[in-house]
Amino acid sequence: FMDSAFNLMQASFSDR
């Protein structure tokens, strides 16, 4: 997993 992909996923979780 790349940092970019993780960053995008984390943003989605944080948004929730």
N, C-alpha and C. Protein backbone atom coordinates (compact mmCIF):
# COMPACT_ATOMS: atom_id res chain seq x y z
N PHE A 1 0.85 -1.22 0.00
CA PHE A 1 0.00 0.00 0.00
C PHE A 1 0.88 1.26 0.00
N MET A 2 0.48 2.22 -0.80
CA MET A 2 1.29 3.46 -0.85
C MET A 2 0.73 4.50 0.12
N ASP A 3 1.58 5.42 0.51
CA ASP A 3 1.15 6.48 1.44
C ASP A 3 -0.03 7.26 0.86
N SER A 4 0.00 7.47 -0.44
CA SER A 4 -1.07 8.24 -1.10
C SER A 4 -2.41 7.52 -0.94
N ALA A 5 -2.40 6.23 -1.19
CA ALA A 5 -3.65 5.45 -1.09
C ALA A 5 -4.13 5.45 0.36
N PHE A 6 -3.20 5.26 1.28
CA PHE A 6 -3.56 5.23 2.71
C PHE A 6 -4.12 6.58 3.14
N ASN A 7 -3.50 7.64 2.64
CA ASN A 7 -3.95 9.00 2.99
C ASN A 7 -5.40 9.19 2.54
N LEU A 8 -5.71 8.70 1.36
CA LEU A 8 -7.07 8.86 0.83
C LEU A 8 -8.06 8.05 1.68
N MET A 9 -7.66 6.85 2.04
CA MET A 9 -8.53 6.00 2.85
C MET A 9 -8.74 6.63 4.24
N GLN A 10 -7.67 7.11 4.82
CA GLN A 10 -7.76 7.71 6.16
C GLN A 10 -8.70 8.91 6.12
N ALA A 11 -8.63 9.68 5.06
CA ALA A 11 -9.47 10.88 4.93
C ALA A 11 -10.94 10.44 4.93
N SER A 12 -11.24 9.36 4.27
CA SER A 12 -12.62 8.87 4.21
C SER A 12 -13.08 8.46 5.61
N PHE A 13 -12.20 7.78 6.35
CA PHE A 13 -12.55 7.34 7.70
C PHE A 13 -12.72 8.54 8.62
N SER A 14 -11.84 9.51 8.46
CA SER A 14 -11.90 10.71 9.32
C SER A 14 -13.18 11.50 9.02
N ASP A 15 -13.56 11.53 7.76
CA ASP A 15 -14.76 12.27 7.35
C ASP A 15 -15.98 11.67 8.06
N ARG A 16 -15.96 10.33 8.22
CA ARG A 16 -17.06 9.66 8.88
C ARG A 16 -17.00 10.12 10.34
